Amino acid sequence: MSYTVAAFYRFITLPDPATLREELLAEFASTDLRGTTLIATEGVNGTMAGLPETIDRFLNFLDVKIGLDRAEVKFSKSEELPFGRLLFKVKQEIIAFRKAKVDATQAGNYVQPEDWNALIADPEVLLLDTRNHYETEIGTFSGAVNPGINTFSDFVTYVRENLDPAAHPKVAMFCTGGIRCEKASAFMLQEGFSEVHHLKGGILKYLEDVPMQDSKWEGTCYVFDRRVAVGHADFE
């Protein structure tokens, strides 16, 4: 049996995250839906898996509740359910960035997957992999700088101690699904970097949209489920 895996996020002001959690539980607790969705006042962030019709129903529900655009969702497939439980969690943030206060709605420039190769070919662009160091070991874009961080909050320290807006006027960042680099781009703009780009939809959307023969991705992409890693073949 084939299951659909959907990774998504949206930064949107939610005045009552707990109510949304209860509504999601009431609607999907008795279904085959599995995975984790984080809910906070700044938005939602999740990766869910289930039968295609269940995922379709779930995304329609989120579209009604928070205006989630299906075109922004990253889809892949799995021959087994990659998650064992269904969790809807209310959090302070949907992506933890504890060392700095960041308004993620003031993010950098989105770069569509089909335009990414041209951007990173520019020798003036500093290409930053914003993921944790262990994720970068099995795959990344050629020429990317690995900050060697253990948690996302360490990114703040790395930028402040190692990068200079004057020396790095053009920055391009990427991450697994787009959420981490979107928030990181907002932070870098706050720090004075003038031209900050980030890969829309992250590596997952790139693997989904860019043909393997045109890809600049090297290796596989670490994911936080039973699959461990995915590549172009998982999106065909």
C-alpha atoms as a PDB file:
ATOM      1  CA  MET A   1       0.000   0.000   0.000  1.00  0.00           C
ATOM      2  CA  SER A   2       1.261   3.468  -0.861  1.00  0.00           C
ATOM      3  CA  TYR A   3       0.887   6.405   1.515  1.00  0.00           C
ATOM      4  CA  THR A   4       1.174  10.128   0.835  1.00  0.00           C
ATOM      5  CA  VAL A   5       3.521  12.204   2.985  1.00  0.00           C
ATOM      6  CA  ALA A   6       2.802  15.942   3.172  1.00  0.00           C
ATOM      7  CA  ALA A   7       5.223  18.470   4.695  1.00  0.00           C
ATOM      8  CA  PHE A   8       3.896  21.985   5.202  1.00  0.00           C
ATOM      9  CA  TYR A   9       4.030  25.177   7.220  1.00  0.00           C
ATOM     10  CA  ARG A  10       2.494  28.602   7.265  1.00  0.00           C
ATOM     11  CA  PHE A  11       3.410  31.678   9.244  1.00  0.00           C
ATOM     12  CA  ILE A  12       0.106  33.271  10.223  1.00  0.00           C
ATOM     13  CA  THR A  13      -1.153  34.907  13.416  1.00  0.00           C
ATOM     14  CA  LEU A  14      -3.320  32.441  15.344  1.00  0.00           C
ATOM     15  CA  PRO A  15      -4.939  33.980  18.428  1.00  0.00           C
ATOM     16  CA  ASP A  16      -6.135  30.615  19.794  1.00  0.00           C
ATOM     17  CA  PRO A  17      -3.838  27.677  18.899  1.00  0.00           C
ATOM     18  CA  ALA A  18      -5.485  25.399  21.489  1.00  0.00           C
ATOM     19  CA  THR A  19      -8.858  25.630  19.766  1.00  0.00           C
ATOM     20  CA  LEU A  20      -7.344  24.667  16.419  1.00  0.00           C
ATOM     21  CA  ARG A  21      -5.675  21.678  18.087  1.00  0.00           C
ATOM     22  CA  GLU A  22      -9.001  20.469  19.504  1.00  0.00           C
ATOM     23  CA  GLU A  23     -10.699  20.874  16.133  1.00  0.00           C
ATOM     24  CA  LEU A  24      -7.973  18.847  14.410  1.00  0.00           C
ATOM     25  CA  LEU A  25      -8.197  16.068  16.995  1.00  0.00           C
ATOM     26  CA  ALA A  26     -11.971  15.900  16.689  1.00  0.00           C
ATOM     27  CA  GLU A  27     -11.734  15.666  12.916  1.00  0.00           C
ATOM     28  CA  PHE A  28      -8.827  13.234  12.472  1.00  0.00           C
ATOM     29  CA  ALA A  29      -8.214  11.197  15.652  1.00  0.00           C
ATOM     30  CA  SER A  30     -10.161   8.215  14.294  1.00  0.00           C
ATOM     31  CA  THR A  31      -8.545   8.223  10.836  1.00  0.00           C
ATOM     32  CA  ASP A  32      -5.339   6.695   9.442  1.00  0.00           C
ATOM     33  CA  LEU A  33      -3.595  10.108   9.613  1.00  0.00           C
ATOM     34  CA  ARG A  34      -0.218   9.975  11.370  1.00  0.00           C
ATOM     35  CA  GLY A  35       2.531  12.510  12.059  1.00  0.00           C
ATOM     36  CA  THR A  36       3.054  15.685  14.053  1.00  0.00           C
ATOM     37  CA  THR A  37       1.714  19.191  13.534  1.00  0.00           C
ATOM     38  CA  LEU A  38       2.980  22.045  15.706  1.00  0.00           C
ATOM     39  CA  ILE A  39       0.612  24.936  16.376  1.00  0.00           C
ATOM     40  CA  ALA A  40       1.610  28.317  17.812  1.00  0.00           C
ATOM     41  CA  THR A  41       0.520  31.918  17.695  1.00  0.00           C
ATOM     42  CA  GLU A  42       2.975  32.373  14.785  1.00  0.00           C
ATOM     43  CA  GLY A  43       1.429  29.603  12.632  1.00  0.00           C
ATOM     44  CA  VAL A  44       1.562  25.864  11.921  1.00  0.00           C
ATOM     45  CA  ASN A  45       4.308  23.432  10.919  1.00  0.00           C
ATOM     46  CA  GLY A  46       3.934  19.728  10.288  1.00  0.00           C
ATOM     47  CA  THR A  47       4.669  16.553   8.391  1.00  0.00           C
ATOM     48  CA  MET A  48       1.736  14.174   8.081  1.00  0.00           C
ATOM     49  CA  ALA A  49       1.178  10.851   6.351  1.00  0.00           C
ATOM     50  CA  GLY A  50      -1.857   8.799   5.446  1.00  0.00           C
ATOM     51  CA  LEU A  51      -3.873   7.390   2.596  1.00  0.00           C
ATOM     52  CA  PRO A  52      -4.155   9.873  -0.295  1.00  0.00           C
ATOM     53  CA  GLU A  53      -7.807  10.606   0.451  1.00  0.00           C
ATOM     54  CA  THR A  54      -7.033  11.286   4.128  1.00  0.00           C
ATOM     55  CA  ILE A  55      -4.226  13.710   3.282  1.00  0.00           C
ATOM     56  CA  ASP A  56      -6.525  15.424   0.799  1.00  0.00           C
ATOM     57  CA  ARG A  57      -9.183  15.857   3.474  1.00  0.00           C
ATOM     58  CA  PHE A  58      -6.621  17.090   6.015  1.00  0.00           C
ATOM     59  CA  LEU A  59      -5.194  19.718   3.671  1.00  0.00           C
ATOM     60  CA  ASN A  60      -8.677  20.897   2.730  1.00  0.00           C
ATOM     61  CA  PHE A  61      -9.395  21.317   6.442  1.00  0.00           C
ATOM     62  CA  LEU A  62      -6.262  23.433   6.947  1.00  0.00           C
ATOM     63  CA  ASP A  63      -7.092  25.476   3.872  1.00  0.00           C
ATOM     64  CA  VAL A  64     -10.444  26.387   5.412  1.00  0.00           C
ATOM     65  CA  LYS A  65      -8.998  27.074   8.874  1.00  0.00           C
ATOM     66  CA  ILE A  66      -5.734  28.900   8.102  1.00  0.00           C
ATOM     67  CA  GLY A  67      -5.635  29.402   4.338  1.00  0.00           C
ATOM     68  CA  LEU A  68      -2.921  26.805   3.707  1.00  0.00           C
ATOM     69  CA  ASP A  69      -2.011  26.888   0.021  1.00  0.00           C
ATOM     70  CA  ARG A  70      -1.747  23.333  -1.333  1.00  0.00           C
ATOM     71  CA  ALA A  71       0.795  24.532  -3.894  1.00  0.00           C
ATOM     72  CA  GLU A  72       3.185  25.177  -0.994  1.00  0.00           C
ATOM     73  CA  VAL A  73       2.904  21.619   0.372  1.00  0.00           C
ATOM     74  CA  LYS A  74       5.767  19.188  -0.292  1.00  0.00           C
ATOM     75  CA  PHE A  75       4.476  15.754  -1.297  1.00  0.00           C
ATOM     76  CA  SER A  76       6.343  12.453  -1.308  1.00  0.00           C
ATOM     77  CA  LYS A  77       5.381   8.798  -1.072  1.00  0.00           C
ATOM     78  CA  SER A  78       6.071   5.913   1.276  1.00  0.00           C
ATOM     79  CA  GLU A  79       5.249   2.220   1.083  1.00  0.00           C
ATOM     80  CA  GLU A  80       4.544   2.184   4.820  1.00  0.00           C
ATOM     81  CA  LEU A  81       3.334   4.757   7.315  1.00  0.00           C
ATOM     82  CA  PRO A  82       6.521   6.590   8.359  1.00  0.00           C
ATOM     83  CA  PHE A  83       4.989   7.762  11.645  1.00  0.00           C
ATOM     84  CA  GLY A  84       3.536   5.717  14.480  1.00  0.00           C
ATOM     85  CA  ARG A  85       1.371   8.348  16.168  1.00  0.00           C
ATOM     86  CA  LEU A  86      -0.888  11.311  15.486  1.00  0.00           C
ATOM     87  CA  LEU A  87       0.142  14.414  17.426  1.00  0.00           C
ATOM     88  CA  PHE A  88      -1.119  17.987  17.391  1.00  0.00           C
ATOM     89  CA  LYS A  89       1.054  20.049  19.766  1.00  0.00           C
ATOM     90  CA  VAL A  90       0.643  23.636  20.950  1.00  0.00           C
ATOM     91  CA  LYS A  91       4.071  25.316  21.197  1.00  0.00           C
ATOM     92  CA  GLN A  92       5.587  28.746  21.812  1.00  0.00           C
ATOM     93  CA  GLU A  93       7.091  28.689  18.306  1.00  0.00           C
ATOM     94  CA  ILE A  94       6.599  26.416  15.303  1.00  0.00           C
ATOM     95  CA  ILE A  95      10.354  26.522  14.700  1.00  0.00           C
ATOM     96  CA  ALA A  96      12.425  27.276  17.798  1.00  0.00           C
ATOM     97  CA  PHE A  97      14.716  30.309  17.579  1.00  0.00           C
ATOM     98  CA  ARG A  98      15.339  31.014  21.240  1.00  0.00           C
ATOM     99  CA  LYS A  99      18.344  33.354  21.062  1.00  0.00           C
ATOM    100  CA  ALA A 100      16.684  36.128  19.061  1.00  0.00           C
ATOM    101  CA  LYS A 101      13.199  37.535  18.616  1.00  0.00           C
ATOM    102  CA  VAL A 102      12.275  37.302  14.946  1.00  0.00           C
ATOM    103  CA  ASP A 103       9.237  38.375  12.951  1.00  0.00           C
ATOM    104  CA  ALA A 104       9.117  35.595  10.357  1.00  0.00           C
ATOM    105  CA  THR A 105       6.599  37.502   8.247  1.00  0.00           C
ATOM    106  CA  GLN A 106       9.465  39.886   7.349  1.00  0.00           C
ATOM    107  CA  ALA A 107      11.467  37.222   5.528  1.00  0.00           C
ATOM    108  CA  GLY A 108      13.910  37.402   2.649  1.00  0.00           C
ATOM    109  CA  ASN A 109      13.315  36.786  -1.038  1.00  0.00           C
ATOM    110  CA  TYR A 110      11.685  33.524  -2.050  1.00  0.00           C
ATOM    111  CA  VAL A 111      13.527  31.646  -4.799  1.00  0.00           C
ATOM    112  CA  GLN A 112      11.503  29.099  -6.743  1.00  0.00           C
ATOM    113  CA  PRO A 113      13.147  25.669  -7.172  1.00  0.00           C
ATOM    114  CA  GLU A 114      13.428  26.160 -10.936  1.00  0.00           C
ATOM    115  CA  ASP A 115      15.410  29.392 -10.376  1.00  0.00           C
ATOM    116  CA  TRP A 116      17.676  28.057  -7.628  1.00  0.00           C
ATOM    117  CA  ASN A 117      20.452  26.656  -9.847  1.00  0.00           C
ATOM    118  CA  ALA A 118      21.049  30.009 -11.511  1.00  0.00           C
ATOM    119  CA  LEU A 119      21.213  31.827  -8.175  1.00  0.00           C
ATOM    120  CA  ILE A 120      23.741  29.507  -6.542  1.00  0.00           C
ATOM    121  CA  ALA A 121      25.916  29.580  -9.672  1.00  0.00           C
ATOM    122  CA  ASP A 122      26.628  33.260  -8.935  1.00  0.00           C
ATOM    123  CA  PRO A 123      30.139  33.390  -7.387  1.00  0.00           C
ATOM    124  CA  GLU A 124      29.139  36.404  -5.271  1.00  0.00           C
ATOM    125  CA  VAL A 125      26.445  34.418  -3.457  1.00  0.00           C
ATOM    126  CA  LEU A 126      27.217  32.929  -0.043  1.00  0.00           C
ATOM    127  CA  LEU A 127      25.324  29.619   0.026  1.00  0.00           C
ATOM    128  CA  LEU A 128      24.316  28.599   3.562  1.00  0.00           C
ATOM    129  CA  ASP A 129      22.986  25.220   4.685  1.00  0.00           C
ATOM    130  CA  THR A 130      20.906  26.100   7.758  1.00  0.00           C
ATOM    131  CA  ARG A 131      20.294  22.512   8.903  1.00  0.00           C
ATOM    132  CA  ASN A 132      21.951  20.733  11.809  1.00  0.00           C
ATOM    133  CA  HIS A 133      25.382  19.278  11.095  1.00  0.00           C
ATOM    134  CA  TYR A 134      24.277  15.615  11.114  1.00  0.00           C
ATOM    135  CA  GLU A 135      21.697  16.348   8.416  1.00  0.00           C
ATOM    136  CA  THR A 136      24.327  17.787   6.089  1.00  0.00           C
ATOM    137  CA  GLU A 137      26.494  14.656   6.231  1.00  0.00           C
ATOM    138  CA  ILE A 138      24.325  12.657   3.810  1.00  0.00           C
ATOM    139  CA  GLY A 139      23.575  15.383   1.294  1.00  0.00           C
ATOM    140  CA  THR A 140      23.784  19.070   0.419  1.00  0.00           C
ATOM    141  CA  PHE A 141      24.293  21.467  -2.483  1.00  0.00           C
ATOM    142  CA  SER A 142      27.830  21.657  -3.826  1.00  0.00           C
ATOM    143  CA  GLY A 143      29.706  24.644  -2.424  1.00  0.00           C
ATOM    144  CA  ALA A 144      27.363  25.182   0.512  1.00  0.00           C
ATOM    145  CA  VAL A 145      28.783  26.443   3.792  1.00  0.00           C
ATOM    146  CA  ASN A 146      27.941  24.163   6.715  1.00  0.00           C
ATOM    147  CA  PRO A 147      27.720  26.193   9.963  1.00  0.00           C
ATOM    148  CA  GLY A 148      28.165  23.006  12.013  1.00  0.00           C
ATOM    149  CA  ILE A 149      25.270  23.781  14.338  1.00  0.00           C
ATOM    150  CA  ASN A 150      23.558  21.363  16.720  1.00  0.00           C
ATOM    151  CA  THR A 151      20.258  23.236  17.017  1.00  0.00           C
ATOM    152  CA  PHE A 152      18.541  25.966  15.046  1.00  0.00           C
ATOM    153  CA  SER A 153      19.080  28.477  17.852  1.00  0.00           C
ATOM    154  CA  ASP A 154      22.852  28.003  17.379  1.00  0.00           C
ATOM    155  CA  PHE A 155      22.451  29.657  13.974  1.00  0.00           C
ATOM    156  CA  VAL A 156      22.157  33.041  15.695  1.00  0.00           C
ATOM    157  CA  THR A 157      25.567  32.630  17.313  1.00  0.00           C
ATOM    158  CA  TYR A 158      27.129  31.367  14.089  1.00  0.00           C
ATOM    159  CA  VAL A 159      25.952  34.354  12.062  1.00  0.00           C
ATOM    160  CA  ARG A 160      26.999  36.921  14.661  1.00  0.00           C
ATOM    161  CA  GLU A 161      30.454  35.390  15.152  1.00  0.00           C
ATOM    162  CA  ASN A 162      31.330  34.368  11.588  1.00  0.00           C
ATOM    163  CA  LEU A 163      29.476  36.479   9.030  1.00  0.00           C
ATOM    164  CA  ASP A 164      29.610  40.167   8.168  1.00  0.00           C
ATOM    165  CA  PRO A 165      26.936  42.032   6.183  1.00  0.00           C
ATOM    166  CA  ALA A 166      29.651  44.066   4.445  1.00  0.00           C
ATOM    167  CA  ALA A 167      31.626  40.987   3.415  1.00  0.00           C
ATOM    168  CA  HIS A 168      28.587  38.898   2.454  1.00  0.00           C
ATOM    169  CA  PRO A 169      26.177  41.194   0.597  1.00  0.00           C
ATOM    170  CA  LYS A 170      24.336  38.332  -1.154  1.00  0.00           C
ATOM    171  CA  VAL A 171      23.196  35.295   0.823  1.00  0.00           C
ATOM    172  CA  ALA A 172      21.184  32.257  -0.277  1.00  0.00           C
ATOM    173  CA  MET A 173      19.929  29.759   2.287  1.00  0.00           C
ATOM    174  CA  PHE A 174      18.223  26.391   2.184  1.00  0.00           C
ATOM    175  CA  CYS A 175      16.781  23.852   4.613  1.00  0.00           C
ATOM    176  CA  THR A 176      14.655  20.707   4.511  1.00  0.00           C
ATOM    177  CA  GLY A 177      11.150  22.059   3.996  1.00  0.00           C
ATOM    178  CA  GLY A 178      11.582  25.827   3.849  1.00  0.00           C
ATOM    179  CA  ILE A 179      10.475  26.896   7.322  1.00  0.00           C
ATOM    180  CA  ARG A 180      13.890  27.081   8.994  1.00  0.00           C
ATOM    181  CA  CYS A 181      15.520  29.115   6.227  1.00  0.00           C
ATOM    182  CA  GLU A 182      12.489  31.413   5.985  1.00  0.00           C
ATOM    183  CA  LYS A 183      12.795  32.359   9.650  1.00  0.00           C
ATOM    184  CA  ALA A 184      16.591  32.509   9.360  1.00  0.00           C
ATOM    185  CA  SER A 185      16.286  34.915   6.431  1.00  0.00           C
ATOM    186  CA  ALA A 186      14.169  37.267   8.552  1.00  0.00           C
ATOM    187  CA  PHE A 187      16.836  37.144  11.265  1.00  0.00           C
ATOM    188  CA  MET A 188      19.643  37.947   8.815  1.00  0.00           C
ATOM    189  CA  LEU A 189      17.743  40.932   7.457  1.00  0.00           C
ATOM    190  CA  GLN A 190      17.360  42.159  11.042  1.00  0.00           C
ATOM    191  CA  GLU A 191      21.132  41.756  11.452  1.00  0.00           C
ATOM    192  CA  GLY A 192      21.802  44.063   8.511  1.00  0.00           C
ATOM    193  CA  PHE A 193      22.362  41.683   5.590  1.00  0.00           C
ATOM    194  CA  SER A 194      20.949  43.509   2.598  1.00  0.00           C
ATOM    195  CA  GLU A 195      20.168  40.767   0.065  1.00  0.00           C
ATOM    196  CA  VAL A 196      18.914  37.508   1.540  1.00  0.00           C
ATOM    197  CA  HIS A 197      17.344  34.704  -0.493  1.00  0.00           C
ATOM    198  CA  HIS A 198      15.891  31.371   0.579  1.00  0.00           C
ATOM    199  CA  LEU A 199      14.759  28.291  -1.337  1.00  0.00           C
ATOM    200  CA  LYS A 200      10.967  28.241  -1.402  1.00  0.00           C
ATOM    201  CA  GLY A 201       9.697  24.907  -0.126  1.00  0.00           C
ATOM    202  CA  GLY A 202      13.206  23.861   0.808  1.00  0.00           C
ATOM    203  CA  ILE A 203      15.114  20.826  -0.396  1.00  0.00           C
ATOM    204  CA  LEU A 204      11.943  18.729  -0.507  1.00  0.00           C
ATOM    205  CA  LYS A 205      10.268  21.043  -3.024  1.00  0.00           C
ATOM    206  CA  TYR A 206      13.488  21.187  -5.048  1.00  0.00           C
ATOM    207  CA  LEU A 207      13.639  17.384  -5.226  1.00  0.00           C
ATOM    208  CA  GLU A 208       9.967  17.313  -6.188  1.00  0.00           C
ATOM    209  CA  ASP A 209      10.081  19.994  -8.901  1.00  0.00           C
ATOM    210  CA  VAL A 210      13.569  19.865 -10.445  1.00  0.00           C
ATOM    211  CA  PRO A 211      14.317  16.901 -12.762  1.00  0.00           C
ATOM    212  CA  MET A 212      17.137  14.666 -11.582  1.00  0.00           C
ATOM    213  CA  GLN A 213      19.192  15.388 -14.706  1.00  0.00           C
ATOM    214  CA  ASP A 214      19.140  19.131 -13.900  1.00  0.00           C
ATOM    215  CA  SER A 215      19.658  18.786 -10.163  1.00  0.00           C
ATOM    216  CA  LYS A 216      22.536  20.368  -8.269  1.00  0.00           C
ATOM    217  CA  TRP A 217      21.669  18.380  -5.147  1.00  0.00           C
ATOM    218  CA  GLU A 218      24.295  15.870  -4.053  1.00  0.00           C
ATOM    219  CA  GLY A 219      23.331  12.843  -1.944  1.00  0.00           C
ATOM    220  CA  THR A 220      20.049  12.415  -0.083  1.00  0.00           C
ATOM    221  CA  CYS A 221      17.970  14.605   2.221  1.00  0.00           C
ATOM    222  CA  TYR A 222      17.641  13.688   5.889  1.00  0.00           C
ATOM    223  CA  VAL A 223      14.034  13.492   7.102  1.00  0.00           C
ATOM    224  CA  PHE A 224      12.705  13.009  10.619  1.00  0.00           C
ATOM    225  CA  ASP A 225      10.702   9.827  10.146  1.00  0.00           C
ATOM    226  CA  ARG A 226      11.179   6.114   9.530  1.00  0.00           C
ATOM    227  CA  ARG A 227      12.400   6.730   5.984  1.00  0.00           C
ATOM    228  CA  VAL A 228      15.516   8.518   7.371  1.00  0.00           C
ATOM    229  CA  ALA A 229      16.375  10.019   3.965  1.00  0.00           C
ATOM    230  CA  VAL A 230      14.740  10.801   0.615  1.00  0.00           C
ATOM    231  CA  GLY A 231      15.998  11.580  -2.871  1.00  0.00           C
ATOM    232  CA  HIS A 232      14.610  12.508  -6.274  1.00  0.00           C
ATOM    233  CA  ALA A 233      13.193   8.999  -6.784  1.00  0.00           C
ATOM    234  CA  ASP A 234      10.819   9.431  -3.832  1.00  0.00           C
ATOM    235  CA  PHE A 235       9.024  12.267  -5.617  1.00  0.00           C
ATOM    236  CA  GLU A 236       8.515  10.682  -9.026  1.00  0.00           C
END
